Amino acid sequence: MIEIRPETQLSREELRRYGRHLIMPEVGLDGQKKLKQASVLLIGAGGLGSPLALYLAAAGIGNIGIVDFDVVDDSNLQRQILHSTNDVGRSKLESAKERINGINPHVNVETVQAQLTSENALDIFKNYDVIVDGTDNFPTRYLVNDACVLLKKPNVYGSIFRFEGQASVFYAERGPCYRCLYAEPPPPGLVPSCAEGGVLGVLPGIIGTIQATETIKLLLGIGAPLIGRLLLLDALTMQFRELKLRKNPNCPICGEHPTIDHLIDYEAFCGITPQPTNGEAREDEITVEELKAKLDRGDDVFVLDVREPHEYQIANMHGYLIPLNDLPQRVNELDSAKEIVVHCHHGPRSARAVGFLKQIGFKKVKNLVGGIDQWAIRVDPDVARY
């Protein structure tokens, strides 16, 4: 993949630093020079981006780009090892760049403080050899895939959830793309995020280092990359499985007759309705401030909590607990004549509960925007955040 430029040289300090690579015939001096002049873009400086950034920097990747727009939160520290306690509240990009430079001063770090969109993705991606996807949402995964296909670049994919992880290399020039595997996104809210379902802290370390390994193999042109293969990990049993993937001839972007020739609206494609920007809730929603006002007035509001019992033990608003999966069997416990406000941790599960209740005839039911987490932030700081 990488042609060595004549001017690419390693200093005496670099020869010493990369000595364990140089004595491997699969890498050697030429291979290390390839890594030095390579450019790799990381999408996200979070759970997967952390081990990726650390190991790619240590390996001597000459140019590492990182796209992120978030700040370090204390809830990140359980798995995002790029950042420390002292970085809480700081830009993730600033924290990441400082850590990478501390590991390897020979690496050039390029930071892009922006949310990846259809408007900027192609311009951001164009100068990198490999794109590594460390995102945790479906719109961005489809966006990364489509941009990589249009630019003919490999997409090193990874995903994590609870105790399970996936990794692959989607490279339309040599095999299937992400759309060949997942032609359509799941319905909104059906697959919970890590913020809703949790993730074992070490899991992104395992999947992220697999992604880093695949990236280095692609740059060096060695081994058998995970092109056309999906690696599945169950960390509870510590079992790896592999699924063979085939290119879909009817794929809308990499198939025989592609219909997608530009980046689209991926939020709309995934069925996600944009949140209002004026701070107001939609018709079937209620803000935490509005709920607080109703409760302070003594309005007859029934607060329904659809989280799991172990979450209720961590923090609660003294609502009536019916876990989402139990709701169809326990719906008779609810009074359809009452005004019901449903909440979960951040909002997706309660939105599904509201949809179900309305479907079976409940009229006065609303979803609490941002869930108990926003209640803790904006109304009652005594409620624990998790």
Protein backbone atom coordinates (compact mmCIF):
# COMPACT_ATOMS: atom_id res chain seq x y z
CA MET A 1 0.00 0.00 0.00
CA ILE A 2 2.84 2.40 0.87
CA GLU A 3 5.67 3.22 -1.56
CA ILE A 4 8.78 4.36 0.28
CA ARG A 5 9.90 7.87 -0.62
CA PRO A 6 13.67 8.21 -1.06
CA GLU A 7 13.88 10.97 1.53
CA THR A 8 12.29 8.84 4.27
CA GLN A 9 15.00 8.03 6.77
CA LEU A 10 15.15 6.84 10.38
CA SER A 11 17.31 8.64 12.90
CA ARG A 12 19.67 6.78 15.23
CA GLU A 13 17.16 7.30 18.05
CA GLU A 14 14.38 5.85 15.88
CA LEU A 15 16.52 2.86 14.93
CA ARG A 16 16.97 2.16 18.63
CA ARG A 17 13.27 2.81 19.43
CA TYR A 18 11.96 0.48 16.73
CA GLY A 19 14.65 -2.18 17.11
CA ARG A 20 12.18 -4.99 17.88
CA HIS A 21 10.38 -4.20 14.62
CA LEU A 22 13.54 -3.91 12.55
CA ILE A 23 14.72 -7.43 13.38
CA MET A 24 11.43 -8.90 12.14
CA PRO A 25 11.75 -9.77 8.44
CA GLU A 26 8.06 -8.96 7.90
CA VAL A 27 8.76 -5.37 8.98
CA GLY A 28 12.46 -4.61 8.71
CA LEU A 29 13.93 -1.24 7.82
CA ASP A 30 11.77 -0.73 4.73
CA GLY A 31 8.62 -1.61 6.65
CA GLN A 32 9.42 0.83 9.42
CA LYS A 33 9.99 3.54 6.83
CA LYS A 34 6.55 2.76 5.40
CA LEU A 35 5.03 3.22 8.84
CA LYS A 36 6.89 6.50 9.31
CA GLN A 37 5.47 8.03 6.15
CA ALA A 38 1.98 6.54 6.60
CA SER A 39 -1.07 8.60 7.55
CA VAL A 40 -3.87 7.05 9.62
CA LEU A 41 -7.10 8.77 10.63
CA LEU A 42 -8.86 7.75 13.84
CA ILE A 43 -12.56 8.52 14.09
CA GLY A 44 -13.00 9.15 17.80
CA ALA A 45 -10.66 9.48 20.77
CA GLY A 46 -12.76 7.33 23.09
CA GLY A 47 -12.80 3.66 24.05
CA LEU A 48 -11.52 2.22 20.76
CA GLY A 49 -9.55 5.31 19.81
CA SER A 50 -7.51 5.10 23.01
CA PRO A 51 -5.64 1.82 22.40
CA LEU A 52 -5.51 2.63 18.69
CA ALA A 53 -3.78 5.95 19.28
CA LEU A 54 -1.38 4.53 21.86
CA TYR A 55 -0.25 1.49 19.89
CA LEU A 56 -0.14 3.16 16.47
CA ALA A 57 1.96 5.97 17.93
CA ALA A 58 4.28 3.49 19.65
CA ALA A 59 4.59 1.54 16.39
CA GLY A 60 5.89 4.63 14.60
CA ILE A 61 2.98 5.69 12.39
CA GLY A 62 4.29 9.03 11.17
CA ASN A 63 1.01 10.91 10.89
CA ILE A 64 -1.98 10.24 13.09
CA GLY A 65 -5.15 12.25 12.62
CA ILE A 66 -7.95 12.23 15.16
CA VAL A 67 -11.50 13.48 14.68
CA ASP A 68 -13.47 14.23 17.85
CA PHE A 69 -15.53 17.07 19.31
CA ASP A 70 -16.12 15.85 22.87
CA VAL A 71 -14.58 16.66 26.24
CA VAL A 72 -13.31 14.17 28.80
CA ASP A 73 -15.96 13.09 31.29
CA ASP A 74 -15.29 11.13 34.45
CA SER A 75 -17.51 8.33 33.12
CA ASN A 76 -14.98 7.88 30.27
CA LEU A 77 -12.09 6.95 32.54
CA GLN A 78 -13.20 3.35 33.08
CA ARG A 79 -12.12 2.48 29.51
CA GLN A 80 -10.69 5.50 27.65
CA ILE A 81 -7.08 5.12 28.70
CA LEU A 82 -5.84 8.03 26.59
CA HIS A 83 -7.19 10.34 29.28
CA SER A 84 -6.53 10.79 32.99
CA THR A 85 -8.45 12.13 35.95
CA ASN A 86 -6.72 15.49 35.51
CA ASP A 87 -8.13 15.69 31.96
CA VAL A 88 -11.80 15.73 33.02
CA GLY A 89 -13.47 18.70 31.37
CA ARG A 90 -10.66 19.08 28.87
CA SER A 91 -10.91 18.56 25.11
CA LYS A 92 -10.30 14.92 24.24
CA LEU A 93 -8.13 16.02 21.34
CA GLU A 94 -5.85 18.08 23.56
CA SER A 95 -5.54 15.21 26.01
CA ALA A 96 -4.91 12.69 23.22
CA LYS A 97 -2.27 14.78 21.48
CA GLU A 98 -0.38 15.34 24.72
CA ARG A 99 -0.42 11.64 25.55
CA ILE A 100 0.66 10.58 22.04
CA ASN A 101 3.51 13.08 21.98
CA GLY A 102 4.62 11.74 25.35
CA ILE A 103 4.75 8.20 23.96
CA ASN A 104 6.49 9.06 20.68
CA PRO A 105 7.72 12.56 19.82
CA HIS A 106 8.44 11.41 16.25
CA VAL A 107 4.70 11.20 15.49
CA ASN A 108 2.89 14.13 13.91
CA VAL A 109 -0.59 14.44 15.43
CA GLU A 110 -3.28 16.23 13.46
CA THR A 111 -6.47 17.03 15.36
CA VAL A 112 -9.86 17.84 13.85
CA GLN A 113 -12.16 19.41 16.44
CA ALA A 114 -15.44 18.76 14.65
CA GLN A 115 -18.36 16.41 14.38
CA LEU A 116 -17.96 14.23 11.31
CA THR A 117 -20.66 15.09 8.76
CA SER A 118 -21.54 14.49 5.13
CA GLU A 119 -20.25 17.98 4.41
CA ASN A 120 -16.72 17.52 5.81
CA ALA A 121 -15.96 13.78 5.70
CA LEU A 122 -14.51 13.51 2.20
CA ASP A 123 -12.27 16.52 2.72
CA ILE A 124 -11.02 15.18 6.07
CA PHE A 125 -10.43 11.63 4.78
CA LYS A 126 -8.73 12.37 1.46
CA ASN A 127 -5.11 12.69 2.66
CA TYR A 128 -5.04 9.56 4.85
CA ASP A 129 -4.01 6.04 3.83
CA VAL A 130 -6.26 4.17 6.27
CA ILE A 131 -9.41 5.22 8.12
CA VAL A 132 -10.08 3.52 11.48
CA ASP A 133 -13.64 3.64 12.76
CA GLY A 134 -13.89 3.95 16.54
CA THR A 135 -17.43 5.34 16.64
CA ASP A 136 -20.40 4.05 18.60
CA ASN A 137 -23.42 5.04 16.51
CA PHE A 138 -24.94 3.83 13.27
CA PRO A 139 -25.19 7.13 11.33
CA THR A 140 -21.45 7.71 11.65
CA ARG A 141 -20.61 4.10 10.77
CA TYR A 142 -22.55 4.37 7.52
CA LEU A 143 -21.01 7.77 6.86
CA VAL A 144 -17.46 6.45 7.40
CA ASN A 145 -18.17 3.44 5.19
CA ASP A 146 -19.58 5.43 2.31
CA ALA A 147 -16.80 8.03 2.41
CA CYS A 148 -14.20 5.25 2.37
CA VAL A 149 -15.85 3.51 -0.59
CA LEU A 150 -16.09 6.75 -2.58
CA LEU A 151 -12.43 7.54 -1.84
CA LYS A 152 -11.30 3.90 -2.31
CA LYS A 153 -9.78 3.72 1.16
CA PRO A 154 -9.81 0.83 3.67
CA ASN A 155 -12.08 1.16 6.69
CA VAL A 156 -10.80 -0.70 9.76
CA TYR A 157 -13.96 -1.36 11.73
CA GLY A 158 -14.56 -2.18 15.38
CA SER A 159 -17.54 -2.14 17.71
CA ILE A 160 -18.10 -3.01 21.36
CA PHE A 161 -21.07 -3.62 23.64
CA ARG A 162 -21.16 -5.08 27.14
CA PHE A 163 -18.96 -8.22 26.81
CA GLU A 164 -19.05 -8.51 23.01
CA GLY A 165 -16.88 -7.04 20.29
CA GLN A 166 -16.53 -7.11 16.51
CA ALA A 167 -13.71 -6.27 14.13
CA SER A 168 -13.28 -6.32 10.37
CA VAL A 169 -11.70 -4.49 7.46
CA PHE A 170 -14.18 -3.10 4.97
CA TYR A 171 -12.34 -2.36 1.74
CA ALA A 172 -14.54 -2.22 -1.34
CA GLU A 173 -11.53 -2.42 -3.66
CA ARG A 174 -10.77 -5.90 -2.37
CA GLY A 175 -13.93 -7.16 -0.67
CA PRO A 176 -17.24 -6.23 0.94
CA CYS A 177 -18.09 -2.95 2.60
CA TYR A 178 -20.09 -2.27 5.76
CA ARG A 179 -23.32 -2.01 3.76
CA CYS A 180 -22.72 -5.50 2.33
CA LEU A 181 -22.96 -6.78 5.92
CA TYR A 182 -25.61 -4.40 7.25
CA ALA A 183 -27.72 -3.26 4.31
CA GLU A 184 -30.15 -1.41 6.60
CA PRO A 185 -29.66 0.11 10.04
CA PRO A 186 -31.69 -1.26 12.95
CA PRO A 187 -34.78 0.70 14.03
CA PRO A 188 -33.87 3.69 16.22
CA GLY A 189 -33.42 2.71 19.86
CA LEU A 190 -33.50 -1.04 19.21
CA VAL A 191 -29.76 -1.48 19.82
CA PRO A 192 -28.77 0.32 23.02
CA SER A 193 -25.56 2.32 23.11
CA CYS A 194 -22.74 1.68 25.56
CA ALA A 195 -24.14 4.54 27.63
CA GLU A 196 -27.41 2.61 27.97
CA GLY A 197 -26.19 -1.00 28.03
CA GLY A 198 -22.69 -0.63 29.44
CA VAL A 199 -19.36 -2.05 28.31
CA LEU A 200 -16.64 -3.99 30.10
CA GLY A 201 -13.78 -1.53 30.50
CA VAL A 202 -11.08 -3.78 29.03
CA LEU A 203 -13.12 -4.78 25.95
CA PRO A 204 -12.20 -1.74 23.82
CA GLY A 205 -8.58 -2.52 24.64
CA ILE A 206 -8.93 -5.94 23.02
CA ILE A 207 -10.87 -4.78 19.95
CA GLY A 208 -8.85 -1.57 19.59
CA THR A 209 -5.55 -3.45 19.51
CA ILE A 210 -6.99 -5.82 16.90
CA GLN A 211 -7.86 -2.75 14.81
CA ALA A 212 -4.35 -1.39 15.33
CA THR A 213 -2.88 -4.72 14.20
CA GLU A 214 -5.02 -4.74 11.06
CA THR A 215 -4.01 -1.16 10.29
CA ILE A 216 -0.30 -1.98 10.51
CA LYS A 217 -0.77 -5.09 8.34
CA LEU A 218 -2.53 -3.04 5.67
CA LEU A 219 0.20 -0.40 5.66
CA LEU A 220 2.97 -2.99 5.43
CA GLY A 221 1.11 -5.22 2.97
CA ILE A 222 1.69 -8.33 5.09
CA GLY A 223 -0.40 -11.19 6.42
CA ALA A 224 -4.08 -11.82 5.82
CA PRO A 225 -6.18 -8.77 6.76
CA LEU A 226 -9.74 -9.17 8.00
CA ILE A 227 -11.10 -8.31 4.55
CA GLY A 228 -14.19 -10.44 3.93
CA ARG A 229 -14.12 -11.68 7.52
CA LEU A 230 -15.97 -10.51 10.63
CA LEU A 231 -14.25 -11.40 13.89
CA LEU A 232 -16.60 -11.83 16.86
CA LEU A 233 -15.49 -11.89 20.48
CA ASP A 234 -17.45 -13.07 23.50
CA ALA A 235 -15.31 -11.92 26.41
CA LEU A 236 -17.40 -13.79 29.00
CA THR A 237 -16.38 -17.13 27.52
CA MET A 238 -13.24 -15.69 25.84
CA GLN A 239 -14.24 -17.25 22.54
CA PHE A 240 -13.52 -15.86 19.10
CA ARG A 241 -15.67 -16.75 16.13
CA GLU A 242 -15.26 -15.74 12.51
CA LEU A 243 -17.92 -15.14 9.89
CA LYS A 244 -17.09 -15.13 6.20
CA LEU A 245 -18.43 -12.08 4.39
CA ARG A 246 -19.16 -11.76 0.70
CA LYS A 247 -19.45 -8.71 -1.46
CA ASN A 248 -23.12 -7.99 -2.19
CA PRO A 249 -23.57 -7.49 -5.95
CA ASN A 250 -26.66 -5.41 -5.15
CA CYS A 251 -24.93 -3.18 -2.60
CA PRO A 252 -26.08 0.39 -3.29
CA ILE A 253 -22.55 1.81 -3.02
CA CYS A 254 -20.03 -0.90 -3.92
CA GLY A 255 -22.18 -3.32 -5.92
CA GLU A 256 -22.36 -3.91 -9.66
CA HIS A 257 -24.81 -1.05 -10.20
CA PRO A 258 -24.27 1.45 -7.38
CA THR A 259 -26.94 4.04 -6.74
CA ILE A 260 -25.09 6.08 -4.10
CA ASP A 261 -22.48 8.42 -5.57
CA HIS A 262 -22.40 11.05 -2.82
CA LEU A 263 -22.74 11.27 0.94
CA ILE A 264 -26.32 11.43 2.16
CA ASP A 265 -28.20 12.47 5.32
CA TYR A 266 -27.22 9.60 7.61
CA GLU A 267 -29.35 10.68 10.56
CA ALA A 268 -32.40 10.48 8.32
CA PHE A 269 -31.19 7.19 6.79
CA CYS A 270 -31.03 5.69 10.28
CA GLY A 271 -34.46 7.09 11.18
CA ILE A 272 -33.15 9.48 13.81
CA THR A 273 -35.14 12.66 14.29
CA PRO A 274 -32.95 15.66 15.07
CA GLN A 275 -33.41 17.08 18.55
CA PRO A 276 -34.92 20.59 18.72
CA THR A 277 -32.30 23.32 19.06
CA ASN A 278 -34.50 25.77 20.94
CA GLY A 279 -34.48 23.79 24.20
CA GLU A 280 -38.13 22.82 23.85
CA ALA A 281 -39.46 19.29 23.84
CA ARG A 282 -41.51 17.72 21.07
CA GLU A 283 -45.17 16.87 21.50
CA ASP A 284 -44.47 13.43 23.00
CA GLU A 285 -41.61 14.67 25.19
CA ILE A 286 -41.15 16.64 28.37
CA THR A 287 -38.03 18.36 29.70
CA VAL A 288 -36.71 17.79 33.18
CA GLU A 289 -37.55 21.41 34.07
CA GLU A 290 -41.14 20.95 32.94
CA LEU A 291 -41.48 17.76 34.98
CA LYS A 292 -40.00 19.49 38.03
CA ALA A 293 -42.55 22.31 37.69
CA LYS A 294 -45.42 19.82 37.46
CA LEU A 295 -44.25 17.94 40.54
CA ASP A 296 -43.74 21.18 42.50
CA ARG A 297 -47.33 22.24 41.67
CA GLY A 298 -48.60 18.91 42.90
CA ASP A 299 -49.89 17.81 39.49
CA ASP A 300 -51.02 14.21 39.35
CA VAL A 301 -48.07 12.86 37.33
CA PHE A 302 -47.12 9.21 37.31
CA VAL A 303 -43.35 8.77 36.82
CA LEU A 304 -42.54 5.45 35.18
CA ASP A 305 -38.95 4.16 35.29
CA VAL A 306 -38.15 1.59 32.58
CA ARG A 307 -34.54 0.91 33.57
CA GLU A 308 -33.27 -2.31 35.11
CA PRO A 309 -33.44 -3.03 38.87
CA HIS A 310 -29.65 -2.77 39.30
CA GLU A 311 -29.78 0.71 37.76
CA TYR A 312 -32.58 1.71 40.12
CA GLN A 313 -30.31 0.78 43.03
CA ILE A 314 -27.62 3.14 41.74
CA ALA A 315 -29.91 6.16 41.40
CA ASN A 316 -33.62 6.80 41.13
CA MET A 317 -36.28 9.53 41.05
CA HIS A 318 -38.67 7.45 43.19
CA GLY A 319 -40.59 6.49 40.07
CA TYR A 320 -42.51 3.26 39.54
CA LEU A 321 -40.10 0.64 38.19
CA ILE A 322 -41.13 -1.58 35.29
CA PRO A 323 -38.13 -2.62 33.16
CA LEU A 324 -38.71 -2.06 29.45
CA ASN A 325 -38.68 -5.76 28.58
CA ASP A 326 -41.32 -6.44 31.25
CA LEU A 327 -43.64 -3.63 30.17
CA PRO A 328 -45.88 -5.66 27.78
CA GLN A 329 -46.63 -8.19 30.54
CA ARG A 330 -47.13 -5.56 33.27
CA VAL A 331 -48.95 -2.83 31.39
CA ASN A 332 -52.08 -3.58 33.44
CA GLU A 333 -50.29 -1.93 36.39
CA LEU A 334 -50.60 1.45 34.66
CA ASP A 335 -53.63 3.76 34.66
CA SER A 336 -54.23 5.07 31.15
CA ALA A 337 -56.27 7.96 32.53
CA LYS A 338 -53.24 9.44 34.31
CA GLU A 339 -50.52 11.60 32.86
CA ILE A 340 -47.47 9.33 32.61
CA VAL A 341 -43.88 10.51 32.24
CA VAL A 342 -41.49 7.73 31.28
CA HIS A 343 -37.75 7.86 31.86
CA CYS A 344 -34.66 5.69 31.55
CA HIS A 345 -30.96 6.56 31.79
CA HIS A 346 -30.61 8.86 28.77
CA GLY A 347 -33.87 8.55 26.84
CA PRO A 348 -33.79 5.82 24.13
CA ARG A 349 -35.45 3.05 26.15
CA SER A 350 -38.14 5.35 27.49
CA ALA A 351 -38.81 6.58 23.94
CA ARG A 352 -39.49 2.98 22.92
CA ALA A 353 -41.76 2.57 25.95
CA VAL A 354 -43.72 5.69 25.00
CA GLY A 355 -44.11 4.39 21.45
CA PHE A 356 -45.41 1.06 22.74
CA LEU A 357 -47.85 2.64 25.19
CA LYS A 358 -49.25 4.98 22.56
CA GLN A 359 -49.64 2.09 20.16
CA ILE A 360 -51.87 0.24 22.61
CA GLY A 361 -54.03 3.24 23.39
CA PHE A 362 -52.35 5.39 26.05
CA LYS A 363 -52.90 9.07 25.27
CA LYS A 364 -51.27 11.06 28.07
CA VAL A 365 -47.74 9.66 28.02
CA LYS A 366 -44.47 11.50 27.44
CA ASN A 367 -40.76 10.71 27.32
CA LEU A 368 -38.43 12.56 29.70
CA VAL A 369 -35.76 14.15 27.51
CA GLY A 370 -32.29 13.06 28.62
CA GLY A 371 -33.63 10.71 31.27
CA ILE A 372 -32.44 10.56 34.86
CA ASP A 373 -29.00 11.73 33.77
CA GLN A 374 -30.37 15.13 32.74
CA TRP A 375 -32.46 15.22 35.93
CA ALA A 376 -29.25 14.82 37.94
CA ILE A 377 -27.45 17.50 35.91
CA ARG A 378 -30.14 20.15 35.71
CA VAL A 379 -32.58 19.54 38.57
CA ASP A 380 -31.26 17.45 41.45
CA PRO A 381 -27.46 17.12 41.83
CA ASP A 382 -28.01 14.77 44.78
CA VAL A 383 -29.07 12.08 42.31
CA ALA A 384 -26.00 10.03 41.41
CA ARG A 385 -24.81 9.96 37.83
CA TYR A 386 -23.45 6.76 36.29
